[in-house]
Amino acid sequence: MSRRAGRAAAVLSGRLTGSGADRGANPVELAVVMPLILVLLFGSIQVAVWFVARSTALNAAQTGVNAQRVVEAPPDAGRQRAAGFLSAAGDWLVGWQSPGPACTTTATDVTCTVTGRSLSVIPGVSFPVRQSAHGPVERWTAG
């Protein structure tokens, strides 16, 4: 029995002290894999920021359409409402001020378009964003 206990203690002692051919391999493996993990992490965050920027642009365009489609709305109501929404939304959508939201109105419908770029998490990487919303103009009809 003591022979087995001595053998087990020797094996356990060898594993705990790290004596073997693999000594120091973990830091090297981590140094090789960590850049790939960081690229995947920041890449996924950049894609998520792009989706939030698209959602922000679409919500601003829908807000502009809702303001412009009202009966007897002023000609610039949709653009002003979309710009106000984007000002309050934060910096998820960058560069939307130039040329700014654009709303076109015909006799029957309104279309608002918002363009910009997504916020950059990775330096030098940002994606273009362009979202449009469309709706009918409220008007008096004979019925």
N, C-alpha and C. Protein backbone atom coordinates (compact mmCIF):
# COMPACT_ATOMS: atom_id res chain seq x y z
N MET A 1 0.81 -1.17 0.00
CA MET A 1 0.00 0.00 0.00
C MET A 1 0.87 1.27 0.00
N SER A 2 1.93 1.28 0.74
CA SER A 2 2.79 2.44 0.83
C SER A 2 3.54 2.66 -0.49
N ARG A 3 3.78 1.56 -1.20
CA ARG A 3 4.46 1.67 -2.48
C ARG A 3 3.59 2.44 -3.47
N ARG A 4 2.26 2.14 -3.47
CA ARG A 4 1.33 2.84 -4.34
C ARG A 4 1.21 4.31 -3.95
N ALA A 5 1.16 4.57 -2.68
CA ALA A 5 1.03 5.95 -2.21
C ALA A 5 2.27 6.76 -2.60
N GLY A 6 3.43 6.19 -2.51
CA GLY A 6 4.66 6.88 -2.90
C GLY A 6 4.70 7.17 -4.38
N ARG A 7 4.20 6.23 -5.16
CA ARG A 7 4.17 6.39 -6.61
C ARG A 7 3.18 7.48 -7.02
N ALA A 8 2.02 7.48 -6.40
CA ALA A 8 1.01 8.49 -6.70
C ALA A 8 1.51 9.88 -6.31
N ALA A 9 2.22 9.95 -5.17
CA ALA A 9 2.74 11.24 -4.73
C ALA A 9 3.79 11.76 -5.71
N ALA A 10 4.60 10.86 -6.25
CA ALA A 10 5.63 11.26 -7.21
C ALA A 10 5.00 11.77 -8.50
N VAL A 11 3.96 11.09 -8.98
CA VAL A 11 3.28 11.52 -10.21
C VAL A 11 2.61 12.87 -9.98
N LEU A 12 1.92 13.01 -8.87
CA LEU A 12 1.25 14.26 -8.55
C LEU A 12 2.26 15.39 -8.37
N SER A 13 3.35 15.11 -7.74
CA SER A 13 4.39 16.10 -7.52
C SER A 13 4.96 16.57 -8.86
N GLY A 14 5.14 15.64 -9.78
CA GLY A 14 5.65 16.00 -11.11
C GLY A 14 4.67 16.86 -11.87
N ARG A 15 3.39 16.61 -11.74
CA ARG A 15 2.38 17.41 -12.44
C ARG A 15 2.27 18.81 -11.84
N LEU A 16 2.38 18.90 -10.52
CA LEU A 16 2.23 20.20 -9.87
C LEU A 16 3.44 21.09 -10.10
N THR A 17 4.61 20.54 -10.19
CA THR A 17 5.81 21.36 -10.39
C THR A 17 6.01 21.71 -11.85
N GLY A 18 5.30 21.07 -12.76
CA GLY A 18 5.39 21.42 -14.16
C GLY A 18 6.61 20.86 -14.85
N SER A 19 7.22 19.82 -14.32
CA SER A 19 8.37 19.25 -14.99
C SER A 19 7.89 18.40 -16.16
N GLY A 20 8.35 18.73 -17.32
CA GLY A 20 7.96 17.97 -18.50
C GLY A 20 8.27 18.77 -19.75
N ALA A 21 7.99 18.19 -20.91
CA ALA A 21 8.33 18.81 -22.19
C ALA A 21 7.43 20.00 -22.51
N ASP A 22 6.23 20.06 -21.92
CA ASP A 22 5.28 21.12 -22.25
C ASP A 22 5.42 22.35 -21.37
N ARG A 23 6.45 22.42 -20.58
CA ARG A 23 6.60 23.52 -19.65
C ARG A 23 6.77 24.84 -20.42
N GLY A 24 5.87 25.85 -20.11
CA GLY A 24 5.91 27.16 -20.76
C GLY A 24 5.14 27.24 -22.06
N ALA A 25 4.44 26.18 -22.44
CA ALA A 25 3.71 26.17 -23.70
C ALA A 25 2.45 27.02 -23.65
N ASN A 26 1.82 27.14 -22.48
CA ASN A 26 0.58 27.90 -22.39
C ASN A 26 0.75 29.38 -22.74
N PRO A 27 1.76 30.08 -22.23
CA PRO A 27 1.91 31.50 -22.62
C PRO A 27 2.18 31.66 -24.12
N VAL A 28 2.91 30.74 -24.70
CA VAL A 28 3.20 30.82 -26.13
C VAL A 28 1.92 30.61 -26.93
N GLU A 29 1.13 29.63 -26.55
CA GLU A 29 -0.13 29.38 -27.25
C GLU A 29 -1.05 30.59 -27.12
N LEU A 30 -1.10 31.19 -25.94
CA LEU A 30 -1.94 32.36 -25.72
C LEU A 30 -1.45 33.54 -26.57
N ALA A 31 -0.17 33.72 -26.69
CA ALA A 31 0.39 34.81 -27.49
C ALA A 31 0.07 34.63 -28.97
N VAL A 32 -0.06 33.40 -29.42
CA VAL A 32 -0.38 33.13 -30.82
C VAL A 32 -1.88 33.30 -31.07
N VAL A 33 -2.72 32.88 -30.16
CA VAL A 33 -4.17 32.87 -30.36
C VAL A 33 -4.82 34.21 -29.97
N MET A 34 -4.26 34.93 -29.04
CA MET A 34 -4.90 36.15 -28.53
C MET A 34 -5.15 37.21 -29.60
N PRO A 35 -4.25 37.49 -30.53
CA PRO A 35 -4.58 38.48 -31.58
C PRO A 35 -5.80 38.08 -32.41
N LEU A 36 -5.94 36.81 -32.70
CA LEU A 36 -7.11 36.34 -33.45
C LEU A 36 -8.39 36.54 -32.64
N ILE A 37 -8.32 36.26 -31.35
CA ILE A 37 -9.48 36.44 -30.49
C ILE A 37 -9.86 37.92 -30.42
N LEU A 38 -8.88 38.81 -30.31
CA LEU A 38 -9.16 40.24 -30.25
C LEU A 38 -9.74 40.76 -31.56
N VAL A 39 -9.24 40.29 -32.69
CA VAL A 39 -9.79 40.70 -33.99
C VAL A 39 -11.24 40.25 -34.11
N LEU A 40 -11.54 39.04 -33.72
CA LEU A 40 -12.92 38.55 -33.77
C LEU A 40 -13.82 39.34 -32.82
N LEU A 41 -13.33 39.66 -31.64
CA LEU A 41 -14.11 40.42 -30.67
C LEU A 41 -14.43 41.82 -31.18
N PHE A 42 -13.41 42.56 -31.61
CA PHE A 42 -13.65 43.92 -32.08
C PHE A 42 -14.41 43.92 -33.41
N GLY A 43 -14.20 42.91 -34.24
CA GLY A 43 -14.97 42.81 -35.49
C GLY A 43 -16.45 42.61 -35.22
N SER A 44 -16.78 41.77 -34.26
CA SER A 44 -18.19 41.56 -33.93
C SER A 44 -18.80 42.81 -33.31
N ILE A 45 -18.04 43.54 -32.51
CA ILE A 45 -18.54 44.79 -31.95
C ILE A 45 -18.77 45.82 -33.06
N GLN A 46 -17.86 45.87 -34.05
CA GLN A 46 -18.02 46.81 -35.17
C GLN A 46 -19.27 46.49 -35.98
N VAL A 47 -19.55 45.22 -36.20
CA VAL A 47 -20.76 44.83 -36.93
C VAL A 47 -22.01 45.21 -36.12
N ALA A 48 -21.97 45.01 -34.82
CA ALA A 48 -23.11 45.39 -33.98
C ALA A 48 -23.34 46.90 -34.02
N VAL A 49 -22.28 47.69 -34.02
CA VAL A 49 -22.40 49.14 -34.10
C VAL A 49 -22.99 49.54 -35.45
N TRP A 50 -22.63 48.84 -36.52
CA TRP A 50 -23.21 49.11 -37.84
C TRP A 50 -24.71 48.87 -37.83
N PHE A 51 -25.15 47.78 -37.20
CA PHE A 51 -26.59 47.51 -37.11
C PHE A 51 -27.31 48.58 -36.30
N VAL A 52 -26.72 49.06 -35.23
CA VAL A 52 -27.34 50.13 -34.44
C VAL A 52 -27.42 51.42 -35.26
N ALA A 53 -26.38 51.72 -36.04
CA ALA A 53 -26.39 52.91 -36.90
C ALA A 53 -27.48 52.80 -37.96
N ARG A 54 -27.66 51.62 -38.53
CA ARG A 54 -28.74 51.41 -39.51
C ARG A 54 -30.10 51.61 -38.87
N SER A 55 -30.27 51.09 -37.68
CA SER A 55 -31.53 51.24 -36.97
C SER A 55 -31.80 52.71 -36.64
N THR A 56 -30.78 53.43 -36.23
CA THR A 56 -30.92 54.85 -35.93
C THR A 56 -31.32 55.63 -37.18
N ALA A 57 -30.68 55.34 -38.30
CA ALA A 57 -31.01 56.03 -39.55
C ALA A 57 -32.44 55.71 -40.00
N LEU A 58 -32.85 54.46 -39.86
CA LEU A 58 -34.22 54.10 -40.26
C LEU A 58 -35.25 54.76 -39.36
N ASN A 59 -35.00 54.81 -38.07
CA ASN A 59 -35.92 55.48 -37.15
C ASN A 59 -36.01 56.98 -37.45
N ALA A 60 -34.89 57.60 -37.79
CA ALA A 60 -34.91 59.02 -38.14
C ALA A 60 -35.70 59.24 -39.43
N ALA A 61 -35.52 58.37 -40.42
CA ALA A 61 -36.27 58.50 -41.67
C ALA A 61 -37.76 58.31 -41.44
N GLN A 62 -38.14 57.34 -40.60
CA GLN A 62 -39.56 57.12 -40.29
C GLN A 62 -40.15 58.32 -39.54
N THR A 63 -39.38 58.91 -38.65
CA THR A 63 -39.83 60.10 -37.93
C THR A 63 -40.05 61.25 -38.90
N GLY A 64 -39.15 61.40 -39.86
CA GLY A 64 -39.31 62.44 -40.86
C GLY A 64 -40.54 62.23 -41.73
N VAL A 65 -40.79 61.00 -42.12
CA VAL A 65 -41.98 60.70 -42.92
C VAL A 65 -43.24 61.00 -42.13
N ASN A 66 -43.28 60.60 -40.88
CA ASN A 66 -44.46 60.84 -40.04
C ASN A 66 -44.74 62.33 -39.87
N ALA A 67 -43.69 63.14 -39.81
CA ALA A 67 -43.89 64.59 -39.67
C ALA A 67 -44.32 65.22 -40.98
N GLN A 68 -43.79 64.72 -42.09
CA GLN A 68 -44.05 65.33 -43.40
C GLN A 68 -45.39 64.92 -44.00
N ARG A 69 -45.91 63.79 -43.62
CA ARG A 69 -47.13 63.28 -44.25
C ARG A 69 -48.42 63.85 -43.67
N VAL A 70 -48.33 64.63 -42.62
CA VAL A 70 -49.50 65.23 -41.98
C VAL A 70 -50.14 66.25 -42.94
N VAL A 71 -51.46 66.38 -42.87
CA VAL A 71 -52.17 67.35 -43.71
C VAL A 71 -51.63 68.75 -43.45
N GLU A 72 -51.31 69.46 -44.54
CA GLU A 72 -50.79 70.83 -44.51
C GLU A 72 -49.51 70.98 -43.69
N ALA A 73 -48.64 69.99 -43.76
CA ALA A 73 -47.35 70.08 -43.07
C ALA A 73 -46.46 71.09 -43.78
N PRO A 74 -45.65 71.84 -43.04
CA PRO A 74 -44.71 72.76 -43.69
C PRO A 74 -43.75 71.97 -44.59
N PRO A 75 -43.22 72.60 -45.63
CA PRO A 75 -42.38 71.87 -46.60
C PRO A 75 -41.13 71.24 -46.00
N ASP A 76 -40.61 71.79 -44.90
CA ASP A 76 -39.36 71.29 -44.32
C ASP A 76 -39.56 70.53 -43.02
N ALA A 77 -40.79 70.17 -42.68
CA ALA A 77 -41.08 69.54 -41.39
C ALA A 77 -40.40 68.19 -41.23
N GLY A 78 -40.40 67.37 -42.27
CA GLY A 78 -39.80 66.04 -42.18
C GLY A 78 -38.30 66.08 -41.99
N ARG A 79 -37.63 66.96 -42.74
CA ARG A 79 -36.18 67.07 -42.62
C ARG A 79 -35.79 67.57 -41.23
N GLN A 80 -36.53 68.57 -40.74
CA GLN A 80 -36.22 69.10 -39.40
C GLN A 80 -36.46 68.07 -38.31
N ARG A 81 -37.54 67.30 -38.43
CA ARG A 81 -37.83 66.29 -37.41
C ARG A 81 -36.79 65.18 -37.44
N ALA A 82 -36.37 64.75 -38.64
CA ALA A 82 -35.33 63.70 -38.74
C ALA A 82 -34.00 64.21 -38.19
N ALA A 83 -33.65 65.46 -38.48
CA ALA A 83 -32.40 66.03 -37.96
C ALA A 83 -32.45 66.15 -36.44
N GLY A 84 -33.61 66.52 -35.90
CA GLY A 84 -33.76 66.57 -34.45
C GLY A 84 -33.61 65.21 -33.80
N PHE A 85 -34.18 64.19 -34.45
CA PHE A 85 -34.04 62.83 -33.94
C PHE A 85 -32.58 62.41 -33.93
N LEU A 86 -31.86 62.66 -35.03
CA LEU A 86 -30.45 62.26 -35.12
C LEU A 86 -29.58 63.03 -34.12
N SER A 87 -29.91 64.28 -33.86
CA SER A 87 -29.14 65.05 -32.87
C SER A 87 -29.31 64.46 -31.48
N ALA A 88 -30.51 63.98 -31.19
CA ALA A 88 -30.78 63.41 -29.86
C ALA A 88 -30.32 61.96 -29.73
N ALA A 89 -30.09 61.29 -30.85
CA ALA A 89 -29.78 59.85 -30.83
C ALA A 89 -28.34 59.54 -30.44
N GLY A 90 -27.47 60.50 -30.46
CA GLY A 90 -26.07 60.21 -30.13
C GLY A 90 -25.24 60.02 -31.38
N ASP A 91 -24.05 59.48 -31.23
CA ASP A 91 -23.09 59.40 -32.32
C ASP A 91 -23.03 58.04 -33.01
N TRP A 92 -24.11 57.29 -32.98
CA TRP A 92 -24.09 56.00 -33.67
C TRP A 92 -23.96 56.19 -35.18
N LEU A 93 -24.57 57.24 -35.70
CA LEU A 93 -24.50 57.56 -37.12
C LEU A 93 -23.64 58.80 -37.27
N VAL A 94 -22.51 58.67 -37.95
CA VAL A 94 -21.54 59.76 -38.08
C VAL A 94 -21.67 60.36 -39.47
N GLY A 95 -21.56 61.66 -39.57
CA GLY A 95 -21.55 62.34 -40.87
C GLY A 95 -22.92 62.51 -41.49
N TRP A 96 -23.97 62.42 -40.71
CA TRP A 96 -25.31 62.57 -41.26
C TRP A 96 -25.64 64.03 -41.58
N GLN A 97 -24.89 64.97 -41.01
CA GLN A 97 -25.17 66.38 -41.21
C GLN A 97 -24.91 66.83 -42.64
N SER A 98 -24.01 66.20 -43.33
CA SER A 98 -23.69 66.59 -44.70
C SER A 98 -23.99 65.43 -45.62
N PRO A 99 -25.00 65.44 -46.41
CA PRO A 99 -25.89 66.53 -46.78
C PRO A 99 -27.11 66.66 -45.87
N GLY A 100 -27.27 65.80 -44.90
CA GLY A 100 -28.43 65.87 -44.00
C GLY A 100 -29.57 65.03 -44.53
N PRO A 101 -30.59 64.83 -43.70
CA PRO A 101 -31.75 64.06 -44.13
C PRO A 101 -32.44 64.75 -45.32
N ALA A 102 -32.94 63.95 -46.24
CA ALA A 102 -33.63 64.50 -47.41
C ALA A 102 -35.03 63.90 -47.49
N CYS A 103 -36.03 64.76 -47.61
CA CYS A 103 -37.41 64.31 -47.74
C CYS A 103 -37.99 64.87 -49.02
N THR A 104 -38.56 63.99 -49.83
CA THR A 104 -39.23 64.42 -51.05
C THR A 104 -40.71 64.10 -50.93
N THR A 105 -41.52 65.07 -51.33
CA THR A 105 -42.97 64.93 -51.21
C THR A 105 -43.61 65.07 -52.58
N THR A 106 -44.48 64.14 -52.91
CA THR A 106 -45.31 64.26 -54.11
C THR A 106 -46.75 64.47 -53.65
N ALA A 107 -47.67 64.45 -54.59
CA ALA A 107 -49.08 64.66 -54.24
C ALA A 107 -49.62 63.50 -53.41
N THR A 108 -49.02 62.32 -53.53
CA THR A 108 -49.58 61.15 -52.85
C THR A 108 -48.67 60.51 -51.81
N ASP A 109 -47.37 60.74 -51.88
CA ASP A 109 -46.50 60.07 -50.91
C ASP A 109 -45.28 60.90 -50.53
N VAL A 110 -44.62 60.44 -49.45
CA VAL A 110 -43.42 61.09 -48.90
C VAL A 110 -42.34 60.03 -48.77
N THR A 111 -41.12 60.41 -49.12
CA THR A 111 -39.97 59.53 -48.92
C THR A 111 -38.87 60.34 -48.24
N CYS A 112 -38.36 59.82 -47.14
CA CYS A 112 -37.24 60.45 -46.44
C CYS A 112 -36.05 59.49 -46.45
N THR A 113 -34.88 60.04 -46.72
CA THR A 113 -33.65 59.25 -46.78
C THR A 113 -32.61 59.86 -45.85
N VAL A 114 -31.96 59.01 -45.07
CA VAL A 114 -30.90 59.43 -44.16
C VAL A 114 -29.64 58.66 -44.53
N THR A 115 -28.54 59.36 -44.69
CA THR A 115 -27.26 58.72 -45.02
C THR A 115 -26.20 59.14 -44.01
N GLY A 116 -25.19 58.32 -43.89
CA GLY A 116 -24.07 58.60 -42.99
C GLY A 116 -23.14 57.40 -42.96
N ARG A 117 -22.35 57.31 -41.91
CA ARG A 117 -21.44 56.19 -41.70
C ARG A 117 -21.59 55.72 -40.26
N SER A 118 -21.30 54.44 -40.05
CA SER A 118 -21.39 53.91 -38.70
C SER A 118 -20.21 54.42 -37.86
N LEU A 119 -20.40 54.45 -36.57
CA LEU A 119 -19.35 54.81 -35.63
C LEU A 119 -18.20 53.82 -35.78
N SER A 120 -16.97 54.27 -35.68
CA SER A 120 -15.82 53.39 -35.87
C SER A 120 -15.28 52.91 -34.53
N VAL A 121 -15.33 51.59 -34.32
CA VAL A 121 -14.72 50.99 -33.13
C VAL A 121 -13.28 50.59 -33.45
N ILE A 122 -13.07 50.07 -34.64
CA ILE A 122 -11.74 49.72 -35.13
C ILE A 122 -11.25 50.92 -35.94
N PRO A 123 -10.10 51.49 -35.62
CA PRO A 123 -9.64 52.68 -36.33
C PRO A 123 -9.59 52.46 -37.85
N GLY A 124 -10.20 53.39 -38.57
CA GLY A 124 -10.20 53.32 -40.03
C GLY A 124 -11.29 52.46 -40.63
N VAL A 125 -12.10 51.82 -39.81
CA VAL A 125 -13.16 50.96 -40.33
C VAL A 125 -14.51 51.54 -39.94
N SER A 126 -15.29 51.91 -40.94
CA SER A 126 -16.67 52.30 -40.71
C SER A 126 -17.43 51.96 -41.98
N PHE A 127 -18.69 51.64 -41.83
CA PHE A 127 -19.49 51.19 -42.96
C PHE A 127 -20.49 52.26 -43.35
N PRO A 128 -20.77 52.41 -44.66
CA PRO A 128 -21.78 53.37 -45.07
C PRO A 128 -23.17 52.90 -44.67
N VAL A 129 -24.02 53.87 -44.34
CA VAL A 129 -25.40 53.59 -43.93
C VAL A 129 -26.31 54.47 -44.76
N ARG A 130 -27.35 53.87 -45.34
CA ARG A 130 -28.36 54.62 -46.09
C ARG A 130 -29.69 53.94 -45.85
N GLN A 131 -30.62 54.66 -45.24
CA GLN A 131 -31.94 54.11 -44.94
C GLN A 131 -33.01 55.07 -45.45
N SER A 132 -34.08 54.51 -45.99
CA SER A 132 -35.20 55.30 -46.49
C SER A 132 -36.49 54.80 -45.88
N ALA A 133 -37.44 55.73 -45.74
CA ALA A 133 -38.79 55.38 -45.28
C ALA A 133 -39.77 56.05 -46.23
N HIS A 134 -40.91 55.42 -46.39
CA HIS A 134 -41.90 55.87 -47.37
C HIS A 134 -43.28 55.80 -46.74
N GLY A 135 -44.13 56.76 -47.07
CA GLY A 135 -45.49 56.74 -46.53
C GLY A 135 -46.42 57.61 -47.38
N PRO A 136 -47.72 57.35 -47.28
CA PRO A 136 -48.68 58.16 -48.04
C PRO A 136 -48.92 59.50 -47.36
N VAL A 137 -49.21 60.50 -48.17
CA VAL A 137 -49.54 61.83 -47.65
C VAL A 137 -51.00 61.83 -47.24
N GLU A 138 -51.28 62.38 -46.06
CA GLU A 138 -52.66 62.53 -45.65
C GLU A 138 -53.27 63.68 -46.44
N ARG A 139 -54.44 63.46 -47.02
CA ARG A 139 -55.06 64.50 -47.83
C ARG A 139 -56.57 64.32 -47.82
N TRP A 140 -57.27 65.41 -48.16
CA TRP A 140 -58.71 65.37 -48.26
C TRP A 140 -59.09 64.78 -49.61
N THR A 141 -60.00 63.82 -49.58
CA THR A 141 -60.49 63.25 -50.83
C THR A 141 -62.02 63.24 -50.81
N ALA A 142 -62.61 63.22 -51.98
CA ALA A 142 -64.07 63.12 -52.08
C ALA A 142 -64.43 61.66 -51.87
N GLY A 143 -65.35 61.42 -51.03
CA GLY A 143 -65.56 60.03 -50.77
C GLY A 143 -66.93 59.59 -50.67
